[in-house]
Amino acid sequence: DNYGNYVVQHMLEHGRVEDKKIIIGVIERNIVEFSKHKCSSNVVEKALEIATVGEHAAQLENERSSLMFRVIGDPHDPNPPLRQMMEDRFGNFIVQRMIEHARGPERERLRQQLQAS
């Protein structure tokens, strides 16, 4: 929805931590699809940002980590979500945000998957 994404982004910025967890869970389950559409890719970007540096980032660490690993995918997957997103004009922006927000072991896994692609 061209305007609904603004409502979801607002919830991610100003909503309760419980609501943010639910939204991030929905994003995680649909990450590739959401990343390939202009409006929903904005929501995915906002979720990564909020879960990494937002007001409730510490409380959203598990969700952030789960979201990152979902995209990075299994090292033996020939077509991980990350690759699918890299090849898409909107998904590519999500990959850039992931590079920006990755940390620790996920940063290394992300680097390895990017080099393999």
Protein backbone atom coordinates (compact mmCIF):
# COMPACT_ATOMS: atom_id res chain seq x y z
CA ASP A 1 0.00 0.00 0.00
CA ASN A 2 1.42 3.35 -1.00
CA TYR A 3 0.42 4.99 2.28
CA GLY A 4 0.13 2.09 4.73
CA ASN A 5 3.90 1.79 4.82
CA TYR A 6 4.04 5.19 6.55
CA VAL A 7 1.75 3.91 9.30
CA VAL A 8 3.94 0.85 9.83
CA GLN A 9 7.09 2.97 9.84
CA HIS A 10 5.49 5.27 12.41
CA MET A 11 4.67 2.24 14.58
CA LEU A 12 8.28 1.09 14.32
CA GLU A 13 9.50 4.51 15.40
CA HIS A 14 6.96 5.36 18.09
CA GLY A 15 5.10 2.17 18.97
CA ARG A 16 5.36 -0.16 21.93
CA VAL A 17 8.18 -2.67 21.96
CA GLU A 18 5.64 -5.52 21.74
CA ASP A 19 4.21 -4.05 18.53
CA LYS A 20 7.69 -3.61 17.08
CA LYS A 21 8.48 -7.26 17.76
CA ILE A 22 5.31 -8.35 15.96
CA ILE A 23 6.05 -6.12 12.95
CA ILE A 24 9.65 -7.32 12.72
CA GLY A 25 8.42 -10.94 12.91
CA VAL A 26 6.08 -10.36 9.96
CA ILE A 27 8.91 -8.71 8.03
CA GLU A 28 11.23 -11.62 8.76
CA ARG A 29 8.74 -14.15 7.41
CA ASN A 30 8.28 -12.12 4.20
CA ILE A 31 11.68 -10.47 3.87
CA VAL A 32 12.40 -11.20 0.21
CA GLU A 33 8.93 -10.28 -0.99
CA PHE A 34 8.82 -7.07 1.09
CA SER A 35 12.32 -6.07 -0.02
CA LYS A 36 11.39 -6.18 -3.69
CA HIS A 37 8.63 -3.56 -3.53
CA LYS A 38 9.20 0.16 -3.24
CA CYS A 39 6.84 0.87 -0.35
CA SER A 40 7.41 -2.25 1.73
CA SER A 41 11.19 -2.03 1.26
CA ASN A 42 11.04 1.28 3.15
CA VAL A 43 9.45 -0.59 6.06
CA VAL A 44 12.20 -3.22 5.96
CA GLU A 45 14.86 -0.50 6.05
CA LYS A 46 13.13 1.19 8.98
CA ALA A 47 12.88 -2.12 10.87
CA LEU A 48 16.63 -2.71 10.50
CA GLU A 49 17.37 0.81 11.68
CA ILE A 50 14.99 0.73 14.65
CA ALA A 51 16.15 -2.70 15.79
CA THR A 52 19.80 -1.61 15.62
CA VAL A 53 19.90 1.99 16.84
CA GLY A 54 16.34 2.83 17.87
CA GLU A 55 14.97 3.62 21.30
CA HIS A 56 14.21 -0.06 22.04
CA ALA A 57 17.22 -1.54 20.21
CA ALA A 58 18.45 -3.46 23.26
CA GLN A 59 15.04 -5.08 23.69
CA LEU A 60 14.88 -5.91 19.98
CA GLU A 61 18.33 -7.52 19.71
CA ASN A 62 16.96 -11.05 19.23
CA GLU A 63 14.59 -9.86 16.50
CA ARG A 64 17.35 -7.87 14.78
CA SER A 65 19.74 -10.81 14.85
CA SER A 66 17.08 -13.22 13.60
CA LEU A 67 16.17 -10.85 10.76
CA MET A 68 19.81 -10.49 9.70
CA PHE A 69 20.49 -14.24 9.73
CA ARG A 70 17.27 -14.90 7.82
CA VAL A 71 18.51 -12.68 4.99
CA ILE A 72 22.12 -13.88 5.06
CA GLY A 73 20.86 -17.44 4.79
CA ASP A 74 22.64 -20.75 5.08
CA PRO A 75 26.21 -20.77 3.73
CA HIS A 76 25.36 -23.82 1.58
CA ASP A 77 22.19 -22.35 0.07
CA PRO A 78 22.82 -21.78 -3.66
CA ASN A 79 20.25 -18.95 -3.76
CA PRO A 80 20.05 -17.31 -0.33
CA PRO A 81 17.64 -14.45 0.33
CA LEU A 82 20.63 -12.09 0.30
CA ARG A 83 21.45 -12.92 -3.33
CA GLN A 84 17.82 -12.54 -4.39
CA MET A 85 17.73 -9.12 -2.74
CA MET A 86 21.08 -8.00 -4.20
CA GLU A 87 19.74 -8.54 -7.69
CA ASP A 88 16.64 -6.42 -7.12
CA ARG A 89 16.53 -2.64 -7.51
CA PHE A 90 14.79 -2.12 -4.14
CA GLY A 91 16.25 -5.14 -2.35
CA ASN A 92 19.72 -3.79 -3.05
CA PHE A 93 19.01 -0.87 -0.70
CA ILE A 94 18.16 -3.34 2.07
CA VAL A 95 21.48 -5.10 1.54
CA GLN A 96 23.25 -1.75 1.88
CA ARG A 97 21.44 -1.13 5.20
CA MET A 98 22.42 -4.60 6.37
CA ILE A 99 26.07 -3.85 5.67
CA GLU A 100 25.67 -0.66 7.66
CA HIS A 101 23.98 -2.36 10.65
CA ALA A 102 25.71 -5.77 10.74
CA ARG A 103 27.85 -6.62 13.76
CA GLY A 104 29.99 -9.41 15.16
CA PRO A 105 29.65 -12.87 13.62
CA GLU A 106 26.79 -11.78 11.36
CA ARG A 107 29.07 -9.17 9.78
CA GLU A 108 31.53 -11.92 8.87
CA ARG A 109 28.78 -14.21 7.50
CA LEU A 110 27.39 -11.30 5.51
CA ARG A 111 30.84 -10.56 4.08
CA GLN A 112 31.30 -14.20 3.11
CA GLN A 113 27.90 -14.41 1.40
CA LEU A 114 28.52 -11.16 -0.48
CA GLN A 115 31.88 -12.39 -1.72
CA ALA A 116 30.36 -15.73 -2.80
CA SER A 117 27.70 -13.94 -4.86
